[in-house]
Amino acid sequence: MSFLNPLLLFAAIGVSLPILAHLLNRQKVKRTDWAAMQFLNRNVRVRSRQLRLRDILLLLLRCLALLLLVLALARPASQGGTASWFPGEARAGVVIAVDASFSMEHGGEGATRFRRALDQVEVIGEHIRPGDPVSLILLGGEDEVIAHNMAFDRERFSALLQNAKPAPVGLDLDSVPKRIKELLGDMEAPQKEAYFITDVQARDWKRASARFQAALADLQNGAEVFLVPVPGPPENLAVTDLDLVSGVLRKGTTARYQATVRNCGTGPVSNVEVQCRVEGVQIDSKTIPLIIAGRSETVSLFVPFHNAGPTRITAEISGDLLPTDNVRRVVAVVRDRVSVLCVDGSDGDAGRLLVAALLARGDGAQDEDYVVRSVPWISLPSQQLDDVDVIILAGVPEITPEQVNQLSRHVRQGNGLVWFAGKNVKAAAWNERSASGVNPLLPAKLGQPVDTGTTFGAGRPLDPAMSRHGVCLPLRSLPEDLFSETHFLTRLEVEPFPSSFPILSLAGSGAPILLEHSLGRGHVFMFTTSAETSWNNM
């Protein structure tokens, strides 16, 4: 036996009040012998005993009334399911935690795991008596408590369940015991029960931490804990990636995106159709013949850009039991024209060559899709970079730490940076300011210029075994004799960082000529040769 309000037991001292009042009110009668009343003596004695018995019974009833009042306020309760001293059943506080993560949407229409979880909640509710305290929480992302310590009412409880929906987020399994314990702690009930309804994802439970196991064991010390599984079939396909692999985000062009579909089930799946939509309109569709269980396959989707501005692109599959992960979305910022700023650190030759190359067209006219301007490197601090899409640093001797931070922010916002070596480049200054730290601006650490010429004075050509990078596509279309005529006489020795990868390299030595790495939403390209003709014949 225990008491929910044990301090009120001190009020039992009040039982002594009727006794004290009885003792104080006792009248001491002075005895006087009176001969005339002797004949009534026997009757008076009998009547006196009856009055004393009545007073004692009345005293006991008053004491019992006070004692019952104190016990009622102290709220006695039984422990461990033993019977209470008082009639009626003990109240039970119930906490129901429902897994509302995105995997609970798995299943056909009207038969999802979440729907079956709510059915289990209804079954649990049938065994809860009206008035019992109940809490209901949906677990997933920002956990939602839809009923907190509510006096159970069947109709109101069912109405709350009608508005419950899963969230497109995962489940933090480690936080579940803590959230349930908090809700149990808010309840004043002699008996407490907790129900956790979930689809028991093997991926989550196999990785359950020791902290979770300890928290779950601690939870069972203060309440009866029940795990209610609502498993479903393991079949599931998911679109895991949608990436731009070639092309440019410019009005009037077509870009190639690559969609990746993973089979998360236990059996192979054939004829998986992947649809590509732009602003909700389907523009491409591909079919994957077969995806083995546990494997991923990719398809290419071609996206034409007819208008400038932000463009929503979607890759989606259908016919899967979990619609949440059947779609992948990206936003492409399509530009009407590309603004390029060339910062020339040489005597002007690099800037003139780059401007001419970017604006050149096969018919001899200028390319109207580009806006290109060249400035000397000493003018860089005065340039406004907000409207610039690509910055080219050609043989720039050095930049200040403030300019490094400015360029880094510019690239992270989704813009591009192209860096060229040159005879004026100060490697030590660049390494100190832009090739150090956790996220360096450049893809490699700079060394000294290296002579790559042959014994006959000719430079070395590019390695024809190029990667499938978008930059290499125009070079792959060149005739072999024309491609081999590109020679490099001097290059800068570099030490690439792990975050970078080579795009172009020299034949024979494999020394990198062009490196790339990502920085935020943008990219940095690094040429280890010059933009003008002193180090090559490009």
Protein backbone atom coordinates (compact mmCIF):
# COMPACT_ATOMS: atom_id res chain seq x y z
CA MET A 1 0.00 0.00 0.00
CA SER A 2 1.24 3.48 -0.89
CA PHE A 3 -0.23 6.99 -0.93
CA LEU A 4 -0.15 9.53 -3.74
CA ASN A 5 -0.29 12.36 -1.16
CA PRO A 6 1.50 10.85 1.85
CA LEU A 7 2.05 14.20 3.62
CA LEU A 8 -1.69 14.49 4.22
CA LEU A 9 -1.48 11.50 6.57
CA PHE A 10 -0.30 13.92 9.25
CA ALA A 11 -3.87 15.17 9.27
CA ALA A 12 -4.82 11.89 10.97
CA ILE A 13 -3.77 13.59 14.19
CA GLY A 14 -7.13 15.32 13.96
CA VAL A 15 -8.77 12.05 15.07
CA SER A 16 -7.79 13.02 18.58
CA LEU A 17 -9.98 16.12 18.46
CA PRO A 18 -13.32 14.34 19.14
CA ILE A 19 -11.68 12.38 21.97
CA LEU A 20 -10.28 15.56 23.49
CA ALA A 21 -13.67 17.27 23.20
CA HIS A 22 -15.32 14.28 24.88
CA LEU A 23 -12.90 14.37 27.80
CA LEU A 24 -13.28 18.11 28.28
CA ASN A 25 -17.08 17.91 28.25
CA ARG A 26 -17.32 15.19 30.90
CA GLN A 27 -19.23 16.54 33.89
CA LYS A 28 -18.05 15.58 37.34
CA VAL A 29 -21.20 15.15 39.44
CA LYS A 30 -20.91 15.75 43.16
CA ARG A 31 -22.27 12.73 45.04
CA THR A 32 -24.92 13.53 47.68
CA ASP A 33 -26.87 10.92 49.57
CA TRP A 34 -30.59 11.76 49.50
CA ALA A 35 -32.84 9.38 51.29
CA ALA A 36 -35.91 10.35 49.26
CA MET A 37 -34.31 9.26 45.98
CA GLN A 38 -32.97 5.88 47.05
CA PHE A 39 -35.89 4.05 45.51
CA LEU A 40 -34.91 5.45 42.05
CA ASN A 41 -31.24 4.40 42.31
CA ARG A 42 -31.57 1.22 40.31
CA ASN A 43 -33.32 2.85 37.34
CA VAL A 44 -30.81 5.72 37.22
CA ARG A 45 -27.85 3.35 37.04
CA VAL A 46 -29.33 1.48 34.08
CA ARG A 47 -30.08 4.74 32.25
CA SER A 48 -26.56 6.06 32.93
CA ARG A 49 -24.91 3.05 31.31
CA GLN A 50 -27.01 3.53 28.16
CA LEU A 51 -25.99 7.19 27.89
CA ARG A 52 -22.30 6.39 28.27
CA LEU A 53 -22.54 3.69 25.57
CA ARG A 54 -24.24 6.15 23.22
CA ASP A 55 -21.53 8.76 23.81
CA ILE A 56 -18.75 6.24 23.15
CA LEU A 57 -20.38 5.07 19.89
CA LEU A 58 -20.84 8.67 18.77
CA LEU A 59 -17.18 9.37 19.60
CA LEU A 60 -16.03 6.39 17.53
CA LEU A 61 -18.14 7.44 14.54
CA ARG A 62 -16.70 10.95 14.63
CA CYS A 63 -13.13 9.59 14.77
CA LEU A 64 -13.84 7.18 11.90
CA ALA A 65 -15.29 9.97 9.75
CA LEU A 66 -12.16 12.08 10.22
CA LEU A 67 -9.91 9.10 9.49
CA LEU A 68 -11.75 8.25 6.26
CA LEU A 69 -11.55 11.88 5.13
CA VAL A 70 -7.78 11.94 5.69
CA LEU A 71 -7.30 8.65 3.83
CA ALA A 72 -9.40 9.87 0.91
CA LEU A 73 -7.28 13.01 0.55
CA ALA A 74 -4.04 10.99 0.84
CA ARG A 75 -5.24 8.78 -2.08
CA PRO A 76 -4.12 5.27 -1.10
CA ALA A 77 -3.06 3.03 -3.98
CA SER A 78 -1.97 -0.56 -4.40
CA GLN A 79 1.45 -1.50 -5.80
CA GLY A 80 2.21 -4.31 -8.21
CA GLY A 81 -1.41 -5.02 -8.98
CA THR A 82 -2.38 -6.01 -5.39
CA ALA A 83 -5.88 -5.21 -4.29
CA SER A 84 -6.65 -1.87 -2.70
CA TRP A 85 -8.19 -1.56 0.74
CA PHE A 86 -11.03 0.38 -0.88
CA PRO A 87 -13.63 -0.73 -3.40
CA GLY A 88 -13.24 0.06 -7.14
CA GLU A 89 -10.39 -0.47 -9.65
CA ALA A 90 -7.09 1.46 -9.60
CA ARG A 91 -6.67 4.08 -12.31
CA ALA A 92 -4.03 3.35 -14.99
CA GLY A 93 -2.13 6.06 -16.86
CA VAL A 94 -1.46 5.15 -20.50
CA VAL A 95 1.11 6.60 -22.92
CA ILE A 96 0.81 5.56 -26.58
CA ALA A 97 3.77 6.38 -28.84
CA VAL A 98 3.22 5.87 -32.57
CA ASP A 99 6.06 5.75 -35.10
CA ALA A 100 5.15 8.45 -37.64
CA SER A 101 8.34 8.35 -39.74
CA PHE A 102 8.13 8.18 -43.54
CA SER A 103 8.54 4.37 -43.66
CA MET A 104 5.13 4.05 -41.96
CA GLU A 105 3.53 5.19 -45.25
CA HIS A 106 4.60 1.90 -46.84
CA GLY A 107 1.65 -0.08 -48.17
CA GLY A 108 -1.30 0.23 -50.49
CA GLU A 109 -4.00 2.86 -50.23
CA GLY A 110 -5.88 2.48 -46.94
CA ALA A 111 -3.54 -0.32 -45.81
CA THR A 112 -0.37 1.53 -44.88
CA ARG A 113 1.65 0.63 -41.83
CA PHE A 114 0.55 3.89 -40.23
CA ARG A 115 -3.11 3.05 -40.79
CA ARG A 116 -2.59 -0.32 -39.15
CA ALA A 117 -0.77 1.43 -36.29
CA LEU A 118 -3.82 3.64 -35.70
CA ASP A 119 -5.99 0.51 -35.70
CA GLN A 120 -3.79 -0.84 -32.90
CA VAL A 121 -4.31 2.42 -31.02
CA GLU A 122 -8.07 1.89 -31.30
CA VAL A 123 -7.67 -1.64 -29.88
CA ILE A 124 -5.66 -0.29 -26.95
CA GLY A 125 -8.31 2.38 -26.41
CA GLU A 126 -11.00 -0.29 -25.98
CA HIS A 127 -9.29 -1.39 -22.75
CA ILE A 128 -8.92 2.12 -21.29
CA ARG A 129 -11.65 3.17 -18.88
CA PRO A 130 -13.27 6.60 -19.24
CA GLY A 131 -11.46 9.18 -17.15
CA ASP A 132 -8.10 7.40 -17.14
CA PRO A 133 -5.19 9.73 -18.05
CA VAL A 134 -3.96 9.17 -21.61
CA SER A 135 -1.14 10.71 -23.68
CA LEU A 136 -0.64 10.14 -27.41
CA ILE A 137 2.54 11.15 -29.26
CA LEU A 138 3.57 10.84 -32.92
CA LEU A 139 7.32 10.14 -33.19
CA GLY A 140 9.35 11.41 -36.13
CA GLY A 141 11.28 14.62 -36.74
CA GLU A 142 9.60 17.19 -34.51
CA ASP A 143 7.61 14.83 -32.27
CA GLU A 144 3.95 15.85 -32.03
CA VAL A 145 2.01 15.33 -28.80
CA ILE A 146 -1.64 15.29 -29.85
CA ALA A 147 -3.05 14.28 -26.44
CA HIS A 148 -1.27 15.18 -23.19
CA ASN A 149 -2.50 13.67 -19.92
CA MET A 150 -6.07 13.81 -21.23
CA ALA A 151 -8.96 12.25 -19.34
CA PHE A 152 -9.91 9.44 -21.68
CA ASP A 153 -13.05 10.00 -23.72
CA ARG A 154 -13.58 7.49 -26.50
CA GLU A 155 -15.24 9.84 -29.01
CA ARG A 156 -12.75 12.65 -28.48
CA PHE A 157 -9.83 10.23 -28.67
CA SER A 158 -11.08 8.77 -31.97
CA ALA A 159 -11.47 12.27 -33.40
CA LEU A 160 -7.82 13.02 -32.61
CA LEU A 161 -6.73 9.89 -34.45
CA GLN A 162 -8.53 11.00 -37.61
CA ASN A 163 -6.14 13.96 -37.99
CA ALA A 164 -2.94 11.99 -37.33
CA LYS A 165 -0.54 11.75 -40.29
CA PRO A 166 3.02 10.47 -40.78
CA ALA A 167 5.84 12.92 -41.48
CA PRO A 168 8.38 12.71 -44.36
CA VAL A 169 11.29 12.31 -41.92
CA GLY A 170 13.20 9.54 -40.19
CA LEU A 171 12.88 8.23 -36.62
CA ASP A 172 15.43 9.04 -33.92
CA LEU A 173 15.21 5.73 -32.06
CA ASP A 174 17.52 6.84 -29.23
CA SER A 175 15.13 9.62 -28.20
CA VAL A 176 12.04 7.38 -27.94
CA PRO A 177 12.49 6.14 -24.32
CA LYS A 178 13.20 9.68 -23.13
CA ARG A 179 10.04 11.11 -24.73
CA ILE A 180 7.88 8.31 -23.30
CA LYS A 181 9.42 8.74 -19.84
CA GLU A 182 8.67 12.48 -19.89
CA LEU A 183 5.01 11.82 -20.64
CA LEU A 184 4.79 9.12 -17.96
CA GLY A 185 6.33 11.51 -15.44
CA ASP A 186 3.52 14.02 -16.04
CA MET A 187 0.90 11.46 -14.97
CA GLU A 188 -0.42 10.88 -11.45
CA ALA A 189 -1.56 7.28 -11.55
CA PRO A 190 -0.74 4.24 -9.40
CA GLN A 191 -0.27 2.09 -12.48
CA LYS A 192 1.35 3.23 -15.72
CA GLU A 193 1.52 1.61 -19.14
CA ALA A 194 3.47 2.60 -22.26
CA TYR A 195 2.85 1.32 -25.79
CA PHE A 196 5.34 1.86 -28.64
CA ILE A 197 3.82 1.06 -32.05
CA THR A 198 6.36 0.85 -34.90
CA ASP A 199 7.18 -1.03 -38.09
CA VAL A 200 10.42 -2.28 -36.44
CA GLN A 201 12.77 -1.25 -39.25
CA ALA A 202 15.72 -3.67 -39.15
CA ARG A 203 18.06 -0.86 -40.20
CA ASP A 204 17.20 1.16 -37.09
CA TRP A 205 16.95 -1.64 -34.53
CA LYS A 206 20.19 -3.34 -35.57
CA ARG A 207 22.01 -0.05 -35.02
CA ALA A 208 20.31 0.65 -31.68
CA SER A 209 22.91 2.12 -29.34
CA ALA A 210 23.79 0.96 -25.83
CA ARG A 211 22.28 4.22 -24.58
CA PHE A 212 18.94 3.25 -26.12
CA GLN A 213 19.04 -0.19 -24.49
CA ALA A 214 19.84 1.33 -21.09
CA ALA A 215 17.09 3.96 -21.42
CA LEU A 216 14.57 1.29 -22.39
CA ALA A 217 15.50 -0.84 -19.36
CA ASP A 218 15.15 2.21 -17.10
CA LEU A 219 11.73 2.94 -18.58
CA GLN A 220 10.54 -0.55 -17.66
CA ASN A 221 11.31 0.09 -13.99
CA GLY A 222 8.51 2.61 -13.65
CA ALA A 223 5.88 1.28 -16.05
CA GLU A 224 4.77 -1.70 -18.05
CA VAL A 225 6.20 -1.25 -21.55
CA PHE A 226 4.73 -2.96 -24.61
CA LEU A 227 6.23 -3.03 -28.12
CA VAL A 228 3.51 -3.35 -30.75
CA PRO A 229 5.00 -4.21 -34.19
CA VAL A 230 3.16 -3.42 -37.43
CA PRO A 231 5.52 -4.93 -40.03
CA GLY A 232 4.88 -4.96 -43.74
CA PRO A 233 6.33 -6.42 -46.93
CA PRO A 234 10.00 -5.47 -47.49
CA GLU A 235 9.63 -4.47 -51.16
CA ASN A 236 10.67 -0.87 -51.77
CA LEU A 237 12.27 1.21 -54.54
CA ALA A 238 13.73 4.65 -53.92
CA VAL A 239 15.03 7.45 -56.14
CA THR A 240 18.19 8.34 -54.21
CA ASP A 241 19.91 10.90 -56.48
CA LEU A 242 19.24 13.33 -59.33
CA ASP A 243 22.44 15.01 -60.54
CA LEU A 244 23.48 17.26 -63.42
CA VAL A 245 26.22 15.39 -65.32
CA SER A 246 26.62 17.42 -68.52
CA GLY A 247 25.42 20.55 -70.23
CA VAL A 248 25.04 24.10 -68.98
CA LEU A 249 22.16 25.80 -67.20
CA ARG A 250 21.43 28.35 -69.87
CA LYS A 251 18.32 29.28 -71.80
CA GLY A 252 18.03 27.49 -75.13
CA THR A 253 20.27 24.55 -74.14
CA THR A 254 19.67 20.94 -73.08
CA ALA A 255 21.30 19.39 -70.01
CA ARG A 256 21.69 15.74 -69.07
CA TYR A 257 20.67 14.67 -65.60
CA GLN A 258 21.33 11.27 -64.06
CA ALA A 259 18.73 9.63 -61.80
CA THR A 260 19.70 6.80 -59.44
CA VAL A 261 17.13 4.21 -58.33
CA ARG A 262 17.91 1.78 -55.50
CA ASN A 263 16.16 -1.51 -54.78
CA CYS A 264 15.84 -1.64 -50.97
CA GLY A 265 13.79 -4.84 -51.02
CA THR A 266 14.75 -8.50 -50.91
CA GLY A 267 13.95 -9.48 -54.48
CA PRO A 268 14.74 -8.23 -58.01
CA VAL A 269 12.44 -5.71 -59.71
CA SER A 270 12.09 -5.43 -63.48
CA ASN A 271 10.88 -2.73 -65.88
CA VAL A 272 11.15 0.27 -63.57
CA GLU A 273 9.96 3.41 -65.38
CA VAL A 274 11.58 6.72 -64.41
CA GLN A 275 9.70 9.85 -65.46
CA CYS A 276 11.28 13.30 -65.69
CA ARG A 277 9.16 16.41 -65.26
CA VAL A 278 10.00 20.08 -65.63
CA GLU A 279 7.61 22.40 -63.81
CA GLY A 280 5.16 19.49 -63.58
CA VAL A 281 5.23 18.68 -67.31
CA GLN A 282 6.69 15.33 -68.33
CA ILE A 283 9.51 15.79 -70.83
CA ASP A 284 11.38 12.47 -70.69
CA SER A 285 10.95 8.87 -69.59
CA LYS A 286 13.35 5.94 -69.30
CA THR A 287 12.92 2.29 -68.26
CA ILE A 288 15.41 0.29 -66.19
CA PRO A 289 15.18 -3.37 -67.28
CA LEU A 290 16.22 -4.92 -63.95
CA ILE A 291 17.37 -3.81 -60.50
CA ILE A 292 18.84 -6.53 -58.28
CA ALA A 293 17.99 -6.49 -54.56
CA GLY A 294 20.31 -4.17 -52.66
CA ARG A 295 21.71 -2.60 -55.85
CA SER A 296 21.28 0.73 -57.63
CA GLU A 297 20.89 1.55 -61.32
CA THR A 298 21.07 4.89 -63.15
CA VAL A 299 19.34 6.40 -66.18
CA SER A 300 20.02 9.58 -68.17
CA LEU A 301 17.26 12.17 -68.45
CA PHE A 302 17.53 15.05 -70.93
CA VAL A 303 16.11 18.39 -69.83
CA PRO A 304 15.62 21.31 -72.28
CA PHE A 305 15.65 24.82 -70.84
CA HIS A 306 13.25 27.10 -72.71
CA ASN A 307 13.07 29.87 -70.11
CA ALA A 308 15.48 31.60 -67.77
CA GLY A 309 15.07 31.57 -63.99
CA PRO A 310 14.64 28.88 -61.32
CA THR A 311 13.36 25.65 -62.85
CA ARG A 312 11.97 22.70 -60.88
CA ILE A 313 13.08 19.29 -62.14
CA THR A 314 11.62 16.01 -60.86
CA ALA A 315 12.56 12.34 -61.32
CA GLU A 316 9.83 9.96 -60.18
CA ILE A 317 8.93 6.28 -60.25
CA SER A 318 5.46 4.79 -59.76
CA GLY A 319 3.89 1.54 -58.63
CA ASP A 320 5.91 1.34 -55.41
CA LEU A 321 4.39 0.80 -51.95
CA LEU A 322 6.25 3.72 -50.33
CA PRO A 323 5.49 6.94 -52.26
CA THR A 324 7.61 9.22 -50.06
CA ASP A 325 10.96 8.12 -51.52
CA ASN A 326 9.69 7.58 -55.07
CA VAL A 327 10.59 11.12 -56.12
CA ARG A 328 13.69 13.31 -56.19
CA ARG A 329 13.59 17.05 -56.87
CA VAL A 330 16.20 19.65 -57.78
CA VAL A 331 16.04 23.31 -58.75
CA ALA A 332 18.16 24.53 -61.66
CA VAL A 333 18.92 28.25 -61.87
CA VAL A 334 18.81 28.81 -65.62
CA ARG A 335 20.55 31.95 -66.82
CA ASP A 336 19.66 33.98 -69.86
CA ARG A 337 23.33 34.84 -70.40
CA VAL A 338 26.50 33.88 -68.54
CA SER A 339 28.49 36.75 -67.04
CA VAL A 340 32.26 36.12 -66.95
CA LEU A 341 34.88 38.28 -65.26
CA CYS A 342 38.48 37.63 -66.37
CA VAL A 343 41.11 38.91 -63.93
CA ASP A 344 44.41 39.16 -65.83
CA GLY A 345 47.64 38.89 -63.86
CA SER A 346 49.92 38.93 -66.93
CA ASP A 347 50.68 41.71 -69.37
CA GLY A 348 47.22 41.43 -70.94
CA ASP A 349 47.76 38.49 -73.30
CA ALA A 350 45.86 36.02 -71.10
CA GLY A 351 42.84 38.28 -70.81
CA ARG A 352 42.65 38.93 -74.55
CA LEU A 353 42.93 35.22 -75.42
CA LEU A 354 40.27 34.18 -72.89
CA VAL A 355 37.80 36.84 -74.02
CA ALA A 356 38.29 35.89 -77.66
CA ALA A 357 37.91 32.17 -76.90
CA LEU A 358 34.72 32.60 -74.89
CA LEU A 359 33.02 34.84 -77.45
CA ALA A 360 34.12 32.92 -80.56
CA ARG A 361 31.54 31.13 -82.74
CA GLY A 362 31.92 28.92 -85.75
CA ASP A 363 30.35 31.48 -88.09
CA GLY A 364 32.79 34.17 -87.01
CA ALA A 365 30.24 36.14 -85.01
CA GLN A 366 30.34 36.69 -81.27
CA ASP A 367 28.46 34.40 -78.90
CA GLU A 368 25.60 36.44 -77.47
CA ASP A 369 25.09 33.94 -74.63
CA TYR A 370 28.17 35.28 -72.83
CA VAL A 371 28.98 38.66 -71.34
CA VAL A 372 32.77 38.71 -70.88
CA ARG A 373 34.99 41.48 -69.60
CA SER A 374 38.66 41.52 -68.63
CA VAL A 375 40.29 43.63 -65.91
CA PRO A 376 43.85 43.78 -64.53
CA TRP A 377 44.34 41.94 -61.25
CA ILE A 378 45.03 45.13 -59.32
CA SER A 379 41.42 46.18 -60.08
CA LEU A 380 39.90 43.09 -58.45
CA PRO A 381 39.11 44.79 -55.08
CA SER A 382 36.87 47.34 -56.82
CA GLN A 383 34.81 44.79 -58.79
CA GLN A 384 31.18 43.98 -57.92
CA LEU A 385 30.80 40.19 -58.02
CA ASP A 386 27.07 39.88 -57.31
CA ASP A 387 26.12 39.65 -61.00
CA VAL A 388 29.14 37.57 -62.07
CA ASP A 389 28.58 33.86 -62.75
CA VAL A 390 32.18 32.80 -63.47
CA ILE A 391 35.43 34.40 -62.32
CA ILE A 392 38.67 33.55 -64.14
CA LEU A 393 41.98 34.27 -62.37
CA ALA A 394 44.69 34.09 -65.05
CA GLY A 395 48.23 34.26 -63.70
CA VAL A 396 47.23 36.45 -60.75
CA PRO A 397 50.31 36.86 -58.51
CA GLU A 398 48.46 36.85 -55.18
CA ILE A 399 45.26 37.88 -53.43
CA THR A 400 44.53 39.08 -49.92
CA PRO A 401 42.86 36.95 -47.20
CA GLU A 402 39.77 39.15 -47.52
CA GLN A 403 39.59 38.40 -51.25
CA VAL A 404 39.96 34.67 -50.51
CA ASN A 405 36.92 34.83 -48.21
CA GLN A 406 34.99 36.86 -50.80
CA LEU A 407 35.74 34.37 -53.58
CA SER A 408 34.92 31.42 -51.32
CA ARG A 409 31.49 32.87 -50.49
CA HIS A 410 30.89 33.59 -54.17
CA VAL A 411 31.61 29.98 -55.17
CA ARG A 412 29.54 28.52 -52.33
CA GLN A 413 26.52 30.40 -53.64
CA GLY A 414 26.61 28.28 -56.80
CA ASN A 415 29.02 30.23 -59.00
CA GLY A 416 32.24 29.12 -60.68
CA LEU A 417 35.93 29.93 -60.31
CA VAL A 418 38.63 29.09 -62.90
CA TRP A 419 42.28 29.47 -61.85
CA PHE A 420 45.23 29.53 -64.27
CA ALA A 421 48.91 29.30 -63.38
CA GLY A 422 51.50 31.65 -64.82
CA LYS A 423 55.01 33.01 -64.42
CA ASN A 424 53.85 35.77 -62.06
CA VAL A 425 52.09 33.44 -59.59
CA LYS A 426 53.56 33.48 -56.07
CA ALA A 427 53.03 29.91 -54.90
CA ALA A 428 53.92 30.54 -51.24
CA ALA A 429 51.37 33.35 -50.92
CA TRP A 430 48.62 31.30 -52.57
CA ASN A 431 49.35 28.27 -50.36
CA GLU A 432 49.23 30.36 -47.20
CA ARG A 433 45.96 32.10 -48.00
CA SER A 434 43.90 29.82 -50.25
CA ALA A 435 45.30 26.28 -50.04
CA SER A 436 45.04 25.74 -46.29
CA GLY A 437 42.30 25.05 -43.77
CA VAL A 438 39.51 22.50 -43.73
CA ASN A 439 37.86 23.78 -46.95
CA PRO A 440 40.57 25.37 -49.10
CA LEU A 441 39.65 27.56 -52.04
CA LEU A 442 41.96 25.80 -54.52
CA PRO A 443 41.92 22.04 -55.27
CA ALA A 444 45.68 21.60 -54.73
CA LYS A 445 48.75 22.96 -53.01
CA LEU A 446 51.08 24.83 -55.38
CA GLY A 447 54.70 23.92 -56.08
CA GLN A 448 57.34 25.18 -58.49
CA PRO A 449 57.12 25.40 -62.31
CA VAL A 450 58.30 22.21 -64.04
CA ASP A 451 59.66 21.91 -67.59
CA THR A 452 57.61 19.31 -69.47
CA GLY A 453 59.35 19.67 -72.83
CA THR A 454 60.93 16.73 -74.62
CA THR A 455 64.59 16.43 -75.63
CA PHE A 456 63.61 17.82 -79.02
CA GLY A 457 62.13 20.96 -77.48
CA ALA A 458 58.52 19.99 -78.11
CA GLY A 459 55.92 19.91 -75.38
CA ARG A 460 53.94 16.89 -74.18
CA PRO A 461 50.37 16.28 -75.38
CA LEU A 462 47.30 15.51 -73.31
CA ASP A 463 46.49 11.96 -72.31
CA PRO A 464 43.71 10.77 -74.68
CA ALA A 465 42.31 8.52 -71.91
CA MET A 466 40.11 11.26 -70.48
CA SER A 467 37.33 11.01 -67.93
CA ARG A 468 33.67 11.33 -68.89
CA HIS A 469 33.47 14.80 -67.36
CA GLY A 470 31.40 17.38 -69.24
CA VAL A 471 34.53 19.46 -69.91
CA CYS A 472 36.05 16.56 -71.83
CA LEU A 473 33.13 16.04 -74.21
CA PRO A 474 34.24 18.68 -76.79
CA LEU A 475 37.80 17.31 -76.70
CA ARG A 476 36.56 13.78 -77.37
CA SER A 477 34.98 14.97 -80.60
CA LEU A 478 38.28 16.37 -81.95
CA PRO A 479 40.16 14.43 -84.63
CA GLU A 480 43.10 12.47 -83.23
CA ASP A 481 45.73 14.40 -85.19
CA LEU A 482 44.33 17.74 -84.03
CA PHE A 483 44.10 16.56 -80.43
CA SER A 484 47.73 15.42 -80.41
CA GLU A 485 48.91 18.85 -81.66
CA THR A 486 48.19 20.42 -78.25
CA HIS A 487 51.56 20.59 -76.45
CA PHE A 488 52.49 21.74 -72.95
CA LEU A 489 55.99 23.11 -72.31
CA THR A 490 55.67 24.12 -68.66
CA ARG A 491 53.32 23.19 -65.85
CA LEU A 492 53.08 23.97 -62.16
CA GLU A 493 53.92 21.15 -59.76
CA VAL A 494 50.89 20.61 -57.50
CA GLU A 495 49.83 18.41 -54.59
CA PRO A 496 46.10 17.68 -55.06
CA PHE A 497 43.85 17.60 -52.00
CA PRO A 498 41.66 14.52 -51.33
CA SER A 499 38.56 16.55 -52.21
CA SER A 500 39.76 17.13 -55.80
CA PHE A 501 39.91 14.90 -58.84
CA PRO A 502 41.83 15.25 -62.12
CA ILE A 503 39.99 15.98 -65.36
CA LEU A 504 42.91 16.38 -67.82
CA SER A 505 46.47 15.05 -67.49
CA LEU A 506 49.65 14.81 -69.55
CA ALA A 507 50.37 11.76 -71.65
CA GLY A 508 53.09 9.52 -70.23
CA SER A 509 53.57 11.14 -66.83
CA GLY A 510 49.90 11.47 -65.83
CA ALA A 511 50.66 14.86 -64.28
CA PRO A 512 47.42 16.82 -63.78
CA ILE A 513 46.69 19.73 -66.09
CA LEU A 514 43.12 20.41 -64.92
CA LEU A 515 41.73 19.70 -61.42
CA GLU A 516 38.28 20.31 -59.97
CA HIS A 517 36.68 20.29 -56.55
CA SER A 518 33.32 21.36 -55.17
CA LEU A 519 32.88 24.18 -52.71
CA GLY A 520 29.36 24.59 -51.40
CA ARG A 521 27.03 24.70 -54.41
CA GLY A 522 29.79 25.85 -56.77
CA HIS A 523 32.93 24.45 -58.39
CA VAL A 524 36.57 25.49 -58.67
CA PHE A 525 38.63 24.50 -61.74
CA MET A 526 42.41 24.74 -61.54
CA PHE A 527 44.72 24.71 -64.58
CA THR A 528 48.36 23.95 -63.78
CA THR A 529 49.41 25.69 -67.00
CA SER A 530 49.03 29.27 -68.19
CA ALA A 531 46.16 30.86 -70.09
CA GLU A 532 48.55 32.48 -72.57
CA THR A 533 50.98 30.81 -74.96
CA SER A 534 54.26 30.99 -73.00
CA TRP A 535 53.63 27.59 -71.31
CA ASN A 536 51.62 25.84 -74.07
CA ASN A 537 50.30 26.23 -77.60
CA MET A 538 46.57 26.18 -76.75
